[in-house]
Amino acid sequence: MASKVSNFSDLIQRVAASCLLHPLAAGRHDSGENRSADEDEEYESDDQEDEEEEGSEEEEEKERCRAWEGTKEEVRVERMVEMERLMSEVFDAVSAMKRAYVGLQESHCPWDPEKMRVADVAVVAELRRLGVLRERFRRRMRRGCGGGAFVARRRRVSGGVAVREVVAPYESAVDELKREVKARELEVESLKEKLTNVAVSSLGLSGTNGKKGSGGSNQSKRKLSGSTIQGQACPAPELFESTMRQVKEASKSFTSLLLSLMRSARWDISAAVRSIEAANAADTVPATTTTSSLVIAPHHAKYALESYVSRKLFQGFDHETFYMDGSLSSLLNPDQFRRDCFTQYRDMKAMDPTELLGILPTCHFGKFCSKKYLSIVHSKMEESLFGDSDQRRQVLAGNHPRSQFYGEFLVLAKAVWLLHLLAFSLDPAPSQFEASRGAEFHPQYMESVVRFPGGRVPAGQVVGFPVSPGFKLGNGSVIKARVHLISTT
């Protein structure tokens, strides 16, 4: 009975529980449906908002992309413009470098130390400018290859290598300059030694101080104790003859230049020739009636002018210093004096007279050039030819002008100076002679500057005026005197 009651109670409890649970389930179902609808609406609104946000983000991304593309294009254009500007500067620097180097070359010939110094500074400045442009180009390339982070990383990894790469070209240039400086120093030392020999020998020629002459003699002995210089061991008559030919060519060249300047200045050439002829006649034995009224054809005026120049240059040729001082070295110690003269000849033969006088303007040769130039070109003549007397003032001040006219004169003066040194180097010394005005023509001693038909001088020709002197050498050979002939008929 107790178990039945318990079963019935259990049944009632189940039914009650089922009744209670049924309406609750329906309510839950309804509320669940309602909540699902609301949630769906919320989800749909969220999706729309997400889509809108995604659309705006895409637009913003596109805008950023377009802005980035524009920035990249601007950067590219800017870099291109900057690179073009840099290349333009490089080309300008290279052109300036070429001009500076040409200026440096021009300053060497003729030798101009001040111009050389300025040109050297300009070349170095352009080299430094090119170095700066190279570094700018390297920096641009580094930024273009990877930006600042790449450069920083590269610097951290190979900072020392980069520094060495930058310094290496400069070190190489410095080494090259050191080698060039050493070569220049050796060249300068060699030139100084030659100039010292010339200066000492010139002092020995002057004879003003016996001690100086002795020093020049010792120097000459040391020079002669070595090997031969320029392939000539001792003076020879053939060397004197070849030097006289150089004098002849230099005289023709200088006379032609002087005559062209006279014509450009509208000189009366015939009157000038008559004046020259009268001056030459006053220095010689009075002319005969046959030659007193000498008339020179216009195309022969150059011979009269060459005669005038030659007479001035060879005046004093028989003296060891052209009578510039009272030296007697050739008489006191003739053997040593001959060796000294030939040493000077060998040292000076290959020298440019302009460069030599630029370094030693008051040496013995410089004094000879000054004296002869002032005697040939007087002040009125120079003012008429050039419009001023600037060259004469420079010569009077002990300097030597760097003009074409004075340069041609120096070539002739050097040839005569070398001939003079050779004359006093030979033993026996050559004997100088000159044809006299009105003298009979002797073909073994004279040479006519005027060419006759068939190459033979007709009879009845006498010397109108001498053009250049002749020499009789110790070996018996004769260098003929050049003369201008006129007819006696």
Protein backbone atom coordinates (compact mmCIF):
# COMPACT_ATOMS: atom_id res chain seq x y z
CA MET A 1 0.00 0.00 0.00
CA ALA A 2 2.81 2.36 0.74
CA SER A 3 4.45 1.66 -2.68
CA LYS A 4 1.24 2.45 -4.58
CA VAL A 5 0.82 5.73 -2.80
CA SER A 6 4.40 6.55 -3.69
CA ASN A 7 3.82 5.74 -7.38
CA PHE A 8 0.67 7.84 -7.51
CA SER A 9 2.45 10.77 -5.97
CA ASP A 10 5.16 10.42 -8.49
CA LEU A 11 2.61 10.45 -11.32
CA ILE A 12 0.92 13.60 -10.05
CA GLN A 13 4.24 15.29 -9.73
CA ARG A 14 5.11 14.38 -13.33
CA VAL A 15 1.78 15.70 -14.68
CA ALA A 16 2.10 18.90 -12.68
CA ALA A 17 5.57 19.34 -13.84
CA SER A 18 4.53 18.76 -17.47
CA CYS A 19 1.75 21.33 -17.19
CA LEU A 20 3.99 23.81 -15.63
CA LEU A 21 6.68 23.25 -18.14
CA HIS A 22 4.55 23.50 -21.30
CA PRO A 23 3.52 27.19 -21.15
CA LEU A 24 7.07 28.08 -20.10
CA ALA A 25 8.44 26.38 -23.22
CA ALA A 26 6.00 28.23 -25.44
CA GLY A 27 6.99 31.54 -23.86
CA ARG A 28 10.58 30.73 -24.33
CA HIS A 29 9.93 29.87 -27.92
CA ASP A 30 8.16 33.12 -28.61
CA SER A 31 10.79 35.21 -26.91
CA GLY A 32 13.49 33.29 -28.78
CA GLU A 33 11.86 34.06 -32.10
CA ASN A 34 11.50 37.69 -31.17
CA ARG A 35 15.12 37.85 -30.11
CA SER A 36 16.26 36.20 -33.34
CA ALA A 37 14.46 38.80 -35.45
CA ASP A 38 15.93 41.63 -33.45
CA GLU A 39 19.33 40.12 -33.66
CA ASP A 40 18.96 39.66 -37.43
CA GLU A 41 18.09 43.31 -37.80
CA GLU A 42 21.07 44.28 -35.69
CA TYR A 43 23.32 41.98 -37.67
CA GLU A 44 22.09 43.44 -40.98
CA SER A 45 22.71 47.01 -39.79
CA ASP A 46 26.17 45.99 -38.59
CA ASP A 47 26.94 44.42 -41.96
CA GLN A 48 25.88 47.60 -43.77
CA GLU A 49 28.05 49.69 -41.49
CA ASP A 50 30.95 47.32 -42.03
CA GLU A 51 30.49 47.49 -45.78
CA GLU A 52 30.38 51.28 -45.66
CA GLU A 53 33.49 51.36 -43.50
CA GLU A 54 35.25 48.96 -45.83
CA GLY A 55 34.28 51.12 -48.83
CA SER A 56 35.60 54.27 -47.19
CA GLU A 57 38.79 52.49 -46.21
CA GLU A 58 39.23 51.31 -49.79
CA GLU A 59 38.71 54.87 -51.03
CA GLU A 60 41.18 56.16 -48.50
CA GLU A 61 43.64 53.48 -49.52
CA LYS A 62 43.20 54.41 -53.16
CA GLU A 63 43.69 58.07 -52.29
CA ARG A 64 46.83 57.20 -50.36
CA CYS A 65 48.06 55.12 -53.29
CA ARG A 66 47.39 57.96 -55.72
CA ALA A 67 49.11 60.41 -53.38
CA TRP A 68 52.05 58.03 -53.02
CA GLU A 69 52.30 57.57 -56.76
CA GLY A 70 52.25 61.35 -57.18
CA THR A 71 54.91 61.75 -54.52
CA LYS A 72 57.06 59.10 -56.13
CA GLU A 73 56.71 60.85 -59.48
CA GLU A 74 57.61 64.18 -57.91
CA VAL A 75 60.60 62.61 -56.19
CA ARG A 76 61.69 60.98 -59.42
CA VAL A 77 61.37 64.24 -61.35
CA GLU A 78 63.17 66.10 -58.59
CA ARG A 79 66.01 63.58 -58.58
CA MET A 80 66.24 63.74 -62.35
CA VAL A 81 66.43 67.55 -62.28
CA GLU A 82 69.01 67.39 -59.52
CA MET A 83 71.06 64.83 -61.45
CA GLU A 84 70.91 66.96 -64.60
CA ARG A 85 72.06 69.96 -62.58
CA LEU A 86 74.89 67.90 -61.12
CA MET A 87 76.00 66.65 -64.54
CA SER A 88 75.92 70.22 -65.86
CA GLU A 89 78.21 71.25 -63.02
CA VAL A 90 80.49 68.31 -63.82
CA PHE A 91 80.78 69.34 -67.48
CA ASP A 92 81.44 72.95 -66.45
CA ALA A 93 84.14 71.79 -64.02
CA VAL A 94 85.79 69.60 -66.68
CA SER A 95 85.78 72.50 -69.17
CA ALA A 96 87.26 74.82 -66.55
CA MET A 97 89.83 72.17 -65.72
CA LYS A 98 90.88 71.95 -69.37
CA ARG A 99 91.20 75.73 -69.63
CA ALA A 100 93.26 75.87 -66.43
CA TYR A 101 95.55 73.09 -67.68
CA VAL A 102 96.04 74.87 -71.02
CA GLY A 103 96.97 78.01 -69.08
CA LEU A 104 99.45 75.97 -67.05
CA GLN A 105 101.05 74.66 -70.25
CA GLU A 106 101.22 78.13 -71.82
CA SER A 107 102.98 79.49 -68.72
CA HIS A 108 105.91 77.10 -69.37
CA CYS A 109 106.77 78.51 -72.80
CA PRO A 110 107.74 81.24 -72.52
CA TRP A 111 108.71 80.66 -68.90
CA ASP A 112 106.57 82.87 -66.63
CA PRO A 113 106.79 81.93 -62.92
CA GLU A 114 103.93 84.22 -61.82
CA LYS A 115 101.59 83.01 -64.55
CA MET A 116 102.58 79.43 -63.71
CA ARG A 117 101.73 79.93 -60.05
CA VAL A 118 98.28 81.35 -60.88
CA ALA A 119 97.58 78.54 -63.36
CA ASP A 120 98.67 75.91 -60.82
CA VAL A 121 96.25 77.32 -58.22
CA ALA A 122 93.45 77.25 -60.81
CA VAL A 123 94.14 73.60 -61.71
CA VAL A 124 94.14 72.54 -58.04
CA ALA A 125 90.89 74.43 -57.41
CA GLU A 126 89.17 72.67 -60.32
CA LEU A 127 90.44 69.28 -59.13
CA ARG A 128 88.95 69.94 -55.71
CA ARG A 129 85.70 71.03 -57.31
CA LEU A 130 85.53 67.76 -59.25
CA GLY A 131 86.18 65.84 -56.01
CA VAL A 132 83.25 67.59 -54.32
CA LEU A 133 80.96 66.82 -57.26
CA ARG A 134 82.00 63.16 -57.15
CA GLU A 135 81.04 62.92 -53.47
CA ARG A 136 77.69 64.59 -54.17
CA PHE A 137 77.02 62.05 -56.90
CA ARG A 138 77.86 59.15 -54.58
CA ARG A 139 75.51 60.46 -51.90
CA ARG A 140 72.68 60.77 -54.44
CA MET A 141 73.25 57.21 -55.62
CA ARG A 142 73.19 55.88 -52.05
CA ARG A 143 69.88 57.59 -51.29
CA GLY A 144 68.42 56.30 -54.55
CA CYS A 145 69.50 52.72 -53.84
CA GLY A 146 67.79 52.21 -50.48
CA GLY A 147 67.19 55.27 -48.39
CA GLY A 148 68.61 56.28 -45.08
CA ALA A 149 68.16 52.88 -43.40
CA PHE A 150 70.20 51.17 -46.12
CA VAL A 151 72.92 53.79 -45.87
CA ALA A 152 72.98 53.52 -42.09
CA ARG A 153 73.20 49.75 -42.26
CA ARG A 154 75.93 49.97 -44.89
CA ARG A 155 77.82 52.45 -42.78
CA ARG A 156 77.61 50.17 -39.78
CA VAL A 157 78.76 47.19 -41.79
CA SER A 158 81.50 48.80 -43.90
CA GLY A 159 82.14 52.23 -42.46
CA GLY A 160 85.90 51.81 -42.60
CA VAL A 161 85.78 50.56 -46.18
CA ALA A 162 83.71 53.57 -47.27
CA VAL A 163 86.19 55.94 -45.68
CA ARG A 164 89.06 54.21 -47.44
CA GLU A 165 87.20 54.41 -50.75
CA VAL A 166 86.78 58.16 -50.31
CA VAL A 167 90.37 58.76 -49.23
CA ALA A 168 92.05 56.39 -51.73
CA PRO A 169 91.76 58.68 -54.80
CA TYR A 170 93.21 61.58 -52.85
CA GLU A 171 96.06 59.45 -51.58
CA SER A 172 96.79 58.30 -55.12
CA ALA A 173 96.75 61.89 -56.35
CA VAL A 174 99.07 62.95 -53.53
CA ASP A 175 101.50 60.13 -54.37
CA GLU A 176 101.46 61.14 -58.03
CA LEU A 177 102.10 64.76 -57.09
CA LYS A 178 104.98 63.72 -54.83
CA ARG A 179 106.58 61.79 -57.68
CA GLU A 180 106.12 64.76 -60.00
CA VAL A 181 107.57 67.14 -57.41
CA LYS A 182 110.60 64.89 -56.99
CA ALA A 183 111.12 64.80 -60.77
CA ARG A 184 110.77 68.58 -60.94
CA GLU A 185 113.24 69.02 -58.11
CA LEU A 186 115.79 66.90 -59.95
CA GLU A 187 115.21 68.93 -63.10
CA VAL A 188 115.57 72.20 -61.17
CA GLU A 189 118.79 71.01 -59.55
CA SER A 190 120.18 70.12 -62.96
CA LEU A 191 119.24 73.52 -64.38
CA LYS A 192 120.68 75.28 -61.34
CA GLU A 193 123.94 73.45 -61.85
CA LYS A 194 124.07 74.52 -65.48
CA LEU A 195 123.21 78.12 -64.62
CA THR A 196 125.84 78.15 -61.89
CA ASN A 197 128.43 76.97 -64.39
CA VAL A 198 127.40 79.72 -66.83
CA ALA A 199 127.42 82.38 -64.09
CA VAL A 200 130.80 81.28 -62.72
CA SER A 201 132.29 81.14 -66.20
CA SER A 202 130.91 84.62 -66.92
CA LEU A 203 132.55 85.91 -63.75
CA GLY A 204 135.77 84.26 -64.84
CA LEU A 205 135.50 86.12 -68.15
CA SER A 206 135.02 89.47 -66.46
CA GLY A 207 138.44 89.30 -64.80
CA THR A 208 137.42 91.74 -62.05
CA ASN A 209 138.41 89.34 -59.31
CA GLY A 210 141.18 86.80 -59.56
CA LYS A 211 139.57 84.59 -56.94
CA LYS A 212 136.33 84.39 -58.88
CA GLY A 213 138.24 83.57 -62.04
CA SER A 214 140.01 80.79 -60.19
CA GLY A 215 136.69 79.41 -58.99
CA GLY A 216 135.41 79.44 -62.55
CA SER A 217 138.55 77.65 -63.67
CA ASN A 218 138.14 74.91 -61.07
CA GLN A 219 134.52 74.49 -62.07
CA SER A 220 135.52 74.23 -65.71
CA LYS A 221 138.17 71.62 -64.83
CA ARG A 222 135.56 69.52 -63.06
CA LYS A 223 133.28 69.80 -66.06
CA LEU A 224 136.02 68.85 -68.49
CA SER A 225 137.15 65.90 -66.38
CA GLY A 226 133.88 64.08 -67.07
CA SER A 227 132.41 62.76 -70.27
CA THR A 228 131.93 64.89 -73.34
CA ILE A 229 128.90 67.16 -73.45
CA GLN A 230 126.53 67.20 -76.41
CA GLY A 231 128.94 64.96 -78.33
CA GLN A 232 131.63 67.66 -78.71
CA ALA A 233 134.88 67.05 -76.80
CA CYS A 234 136.83 70.07 -78.08
CA PRO A 235 136.30 73.09 -80.34
CA ALA A 236 136.85 72.61 -84.04
CA PRO A 237 136.87 74.89 -87.10
CA GLU A 238 133.89 72.98 -88.55
CA LEU A 239 131.86 73.92 -85.45
CA PHE A 240 132.78 77.57 -85.97
CA GLU A 241 131.65 77.40 -89.60
CA SER A 242 128.27 75.87 -88.69
CA THR A 243 127.74 78.53 -85.99
CA MET A 244 128.52 81.27 -88.52
CA ARG A 245 125.79 79.84 -90.75
CA GLN A 246 123.38 80.16 -87.80
CA VAL A 247 124.43 83.80 -87.39
CA LYS A 248 123.73 84.37 -91.09
CA GLU A 249 120.21 82.85 -90.90
CA ALA A 250 119.33 84.67 -87.66
CA SER A 251 120.56 87.96 -89.13
CA LYS A 252 118.34 87.53 -92.20
CA SER A 253 115.31 86.72 -90.04
CA PHE A 254 115.76 89.69 -87.69
CA THR A 255 116.45 92.09 -90.58
CA SER A 256 113.31 90.95 -92.42
CA LEU A 257 111.20 91.56 -89.29
CA LEU A 258 112.76 94.99 -88.76
CA LEU A 259 112.18 95.96 -92.39
CA SER A 260 108.54 94.85 -92.27
CA LEU A 261 107.99 96.97 -89.14
CA MET A 262 109.54 99.97 -90.91
CA ARG A 263 107.19 99.51 -93.85
CA SER A 264 104.19 99.11 -91.54
CA ALA A 265 105.20 102.38 -89.85
CA ARG A 266 105.31 103.99 -93.35
CA TRP A 267 109.01 104.75 -93.24
CA ASP A 268 110.79 106.16 -96.28
CA ILE A 269 112.97 103.11 -96.85
CA SER A 270 115.23 104.85 -99.38
CA ALA A 271 115.89 107.69 -96.94
CA ALA A 272 116.55 105.21 -94.14
CA VAL A 273 119.02 103.31 -96.31
CA ARG A 274 120.82 106.52 -97.25
CA SER A 275 121.08 107.38 -93.56
CA ILE A 276 122.46 103.93 -92.74
CA GLU A 277 124.90 104.09 -95.64
CA ALA A 278 126.12 107.50 -94.54
CA ALA A 279 126.62 106.29 -90.96
CA ASN A 280 128.57 103.25 -92.15
CA ALA A 281 130.70 105.40 -94.46
CA ALA A 282 131.59 107.69 -91.55
CA ASP A 283 132.96 104.72 -89.58
CA THR A 284 135.24 103.55 -92.41
CA VAL A 285 137.93 104.95 -94.61
CA PRO A 286 136.53 107.82 -96.68
CA ALA A 287 134.95 106.40 -99.80
CA THR A 288 136.15 107.12 -103.28
CA THR A 289 134.21 109.24 -105.66
CA THR A 290 133.00 106.07 -107.24
CA THR A 291 131.00 105.04 -104.19
CA SER A 292 130.20 108.40 -102.65
CA SER A 293 126.90 108.64 -104.49
CA LEU A 294 125.77 105.08 -103.82
CA VAL A 295 122.22 104.33 -104.94
CA ILE A 296 120.65 101.13 -103.61
CA ALA A 297 117.66 99.54 -105.31
CA PRO A 298 114.54 99.28 -103.08
CA HIS A 299 114.60 95.47 -103.19
CA HIS A 300 118.22 95.56 -101.96
CA ALA A 301 117.39 97.71 -98.93
CA LYS A 302 117.42 94.62 -96.74
CA TYR A 303 121.15 94.20 -97.37
CA ALA A 304 121.88 97.73 -96.21
CA LEU A 305 119.80 97.14 -93.09
CA GLU A 306 121.55 93.81 -92.45
CA SER A 307 124.89 95.56 -92.86
CA TYR A 308 123.88 98.10 -90.22
CA VAL A 309 122.77 95.40 -87.73
CA SER A 310 125.84 93.23 -88.37
CA ARG A 311 128.25 96.15 -87.88
CA LYS A 312 126.67 96.97 -84.51
CA LEU A 313 126.71 93.36 -83.30
CA PHE A 314 130.27 92.52 -84.39
CA GLN A 315 131.70 95.74 -83.02
CA GLY A 316 134.22 94.68 -80.35
CA PHE A 317 134.22 91.03 -81.50
CA ASP A 318 138.03 90.92 -81.30
CA HIS A 319 137.95 91.58 -77.54
CA GLU A 320 137.21 88.79 -75.06
CA THR A 321 134.25 90.70 -73.52
CA PHE A 322 133.28 93.00 -76.44
CA TYR A 323 135.01 95.80 -74.52
CA MET A 324 132.33 95.68 -71.81
CA ASP A 325 135.18 95.65 -69.29
CA GLY A 326 138.94 95.59 -69.26
CA SER A 327 139.46 91.87 -68.75
CA LEU A 328 142.79 90.35 -69.83
CA SER A 329 142.12 86.71 -68.91
CA SER A 330 142.85 85.53 -72.45
CA LEU A 331 146.37 86.94 -72.13
CA LEU A 332 147.13 86.00 -68.51
CA ASN A 333 145.99 82.38 -68.73
CA PRO A 334 145.14 81.58 -72.37
CA ASP A 335 144.76 77.79 -72.05
CA GLN A 336 142.37 78.00 -69.14
CA PHE A 337 140.48 80.84 -70.77
CA ARG A 338 139.93 78.77 -73.92
CA ARG A 339 138.58 75.87 -71.85
CA ASP A 340 136.26 78.20 -69.96
CA CYS A 341 134.92 79.68 -73.19
CA PHE A 342 134.17 76.28 -74.67
CA THR A 343 132.50 75.15 -71.42
CA GLN A 344 130.22 78.19 -71.64
CA TYR A 345 129.48 77.39 -75.27
CA ARG A 346 128.43 73.82 -74.48
CA ASP A 347 126.31 74.87 -71.50
CA MET A 348 124.55 77.67 -73.34
CA LYS A 349 124.07 76.08 -76.76
CA ALA A 350 120.81 74.29 -75.93
CA MET A 351 119.39 77.03 -73.70
CA ASP A 352 116.51 79.31 -74.69
CA PRO A 353 117.93 82.85 -74.40
CA THR A 354 114.59 84.20 -73.16
CA GLU A 355 114.42 81.66 -70.33
CA LEU A 356 118.09 82.19 -69.46
CA LEU A 357 117.71 85.97 -69.20
CA GLY A 358 114.46 85.52 -67.28
CA ILE A 359 116.52 83.83 -64.53
CA LEU A 360 119.83 85.71 -64.90
CA PRO A 361 118.95 89.06 -66.53
CA THR A 362 122.22 90.74 -65.56
CA CYS A 363 124.64 87.97 -66.50
CA HIS A 364 127.44 88.71 -68.95
CA PHE A 365 125.30 87.63 -71.91
CA GLY A 366 122.41 89.76 -70.60
CA LYS A 367 124.65 92.83 -70.48
CA PHE A 368 125.81 92.10 -74.04
CA CYS A 369 122.18 91.90 -75.27
CA SER A 370 121.22 95.14 -73.52
CA LYS A 371 124.21 97.03 -74.91
CA LYS A 372 123.70 95.82 -78.49
CA TYR A 373 119.92 96.38 -78.50
CA LEU A 374 120.32 99.98 -77.32
CA SER A 375 122.93 100.62 -80.03
CA ILE A 376 120.81 99.12 -82.83
CA VAL A 377 117.34 100.45 -81.88
CA HIS A 378 117.56 104.04 -80.70
CA SER A 379 114.69 105.73 -78.87
CA LYS A 380 113.12 107.59 -81.84
CA MET A 381 113.30 104.46 -83.97
CA GLU A 382 111.52 102.34 -81.33
CA GLU A 383 108.87 104.99 -80.72
CA SER A 384 108.18 105.17 -84.44
CA LEU A 385 107.95 101.40 -84.83
CA PHE A 386 105.93 100.56 -81.69
CA GLY A 387 104.33 103.84 -80.64
CA ASP A 388 106.22 104.00 -77.34
CA SER A 389 109.61 103.31 -75.78
CA ASP A 390 108.45 100.68 -73.28
CA GLN A 391 110.93 98.03 -74.45
CA ARG A 392 113.83 100.46 -74.24
CA ARG A 393 112.84 101.46 -70.69
CA GLN A 394 112.78 97.80 -69.66
CA VAL A 395 116.23 97.21 -71.16
CA LEU A 396 117.62 100.31 -69.46
CA ALA A 397 116.22 98.99 -66.16
CA GLY A 398 118.16 95.75 -66.57
CA ASN A 399 115.22 93.64 -67.76
CA HIS A 400 114.51 91.88 -71.05
CA PRO A 401 111.07 92.31 -72.74
CA ARG A 402 109.07 89.25 -73.75
CA SER A 403 108.01 90.57 -77.15
CA GLN A 404 108.31 88.98 -80.58
CA PHE A 405 110.71 91.66 -81.79
CA TYR A 406 113.02 91.38 -78.79
CA GLY A 407 112.79 87.58 -78.97
CA GLU A 408 114.04 87.62 -82.58
CA PHE A 409 116.85 89.93 -81.51
CA LEU A 410 117.82 87.53 -78.71
CA VAL A 411 118.09 84.64 -81.20
CA LEU A 412 120.56 86.68 -83.28
CA ALA A 413 122.45 87.95 -80.20
CA LYS A 414 122.82 84.39 -78.87
CA ALA A 415 124.22 83.17 -82.23
CA VAL A 416 126.82 85.96 -82.24
CA TRP A 417 127.65 85.31 -78.56
CA LEU A 418 128.20 81.58 -79.24
CA LEU A 419 130.38 82.44 -82.27
CA HIS A 420 132.43 84.74 -80.05
CA LEU A 421 132.90 81.98 -77.43
CA LEU A 422 134.04 79.56 -80.13
CA ALA A 423 136.43 82.13 -81.57
CA PHE A 424 138.17 82.40 -78.20
CA SER A 425 138.05 78.62 -77.73
CA LEU A 426 140.07 77.82 -80.86
CA ASP A 427 143.83 77.75 -80.94
CA PRO A 428 144.86 79.58 -83.00
CA ALA A 429 141.93 81.98 -82.85
CA PRO A 430 140.21 82.89 -86.14
CA SER A 431 141.26 86.18 -87.68
CA GLN A 432 138.38 88.50 -88.62
CA PHE A 433 138.40 90.62 -91.78
CA GLU A 434 135.94 92.87 -93.54
CA ALA A 435 135.77 94.14 -97.09
CA SER A 436 136.28 97.85 -97.54
CA ARG A 437 134.00 100.11 -99.51
CA GLY A 438 135.22 100.45 -103.09
CA ALA A 439 137.56 97.45 -102.82
CA GLU A 440 138.00 95.11 -105.75
CA PHE A 441 135.99 91.90 -105.56
CA HIS A 442 138.04 88.81 -104.60
CA PRO A 443 135.99 85.61 -104.91
CA GLN A 444 138.28 83.62 -102.59
CA TYR A 445 137.53 86.02 -99.72
CA MET A 446 134.17 87.57 -100.66
CA GLU A 447 130.64 86.42 -101.40
CA SER A 448 128.13 88.63 -103.19
CA VAL A 449 124.69 88.89 -101.61
CA VAL A 450 123.30 89.87 -105.02
CA ARG A 451 123.00 86.97 -107.45
CA PHE A 452 124.21 87.52 -110.98
CA PRO A 453 123.14 85.59 -114.11
CA GLY A 454 125.10 82.38 -114.47
CA GLY A 455 126.37 82.64 -110.90
CA ARG A 456 129.52 84.51 -111.97
CA VAL A 457 130.32 88.06 -110.88
CA PRO A 458 131.03 90.17 -113.99
CA ALA A 459 134.15 92.28 -114.29
CA GLY A 460 134.16 95.83 -113.03
CA GLN A 461 132.32 95.07 -109.77
CA VAL A 462 133.53 96.65 -106.52
CA VAL A 463 132.33 96.54 -102.96
CA GLY A 464 129.46 98.96 -102.39
CA PHE A 465 129.28 98.14 -98.68
CA PRO A 466 130.11 95.12 -96.49
CA VAL A 467 127.18 93.07 -95.19
CA SER A 468 128.90 90.70 -92.72
CA PRO A 469 132.53 90.00 -91.80
CA GLY A 470 134.61 87.03 -92.86
CA PHE A 471 137.02 84.82 -90.90
CA LYS A 472 140.21 82.96 -91.68
CA LEU A 473 140.52 79.81 -89.53
CA GLY A 474 143.62 78.11 -88.19
CA ASN A 475 143.23 75.11 -90.50
CA GLY A 476 143.46 77.38 -93.56
CA SER A 477 139.74 77.44 -94.43
CA VAL A 478 138.05 80.77 -95.06
CA ILE A 479 134.54 81.95 -94.19
CA LYS A 480 133.88 84.51 -96.90
CA ALA A 481 132.79 88.03 -96.10
CA ARG A 482 129.40 88.92 -97.54
CA VAL A 483 129.38 92.09 -99.61
CA HIS A 484 127.02 94.16 -101.75
CA LEU A 485 128.63 94.85 -105.12
CA ILE A 486 128.15 97.78 -107.47
CA SER A 487 129.41 98.40 -110.95
CA THR A 488 132.12 100.97 -111.65
CA THR A 489 130.88 101.54 -115.19
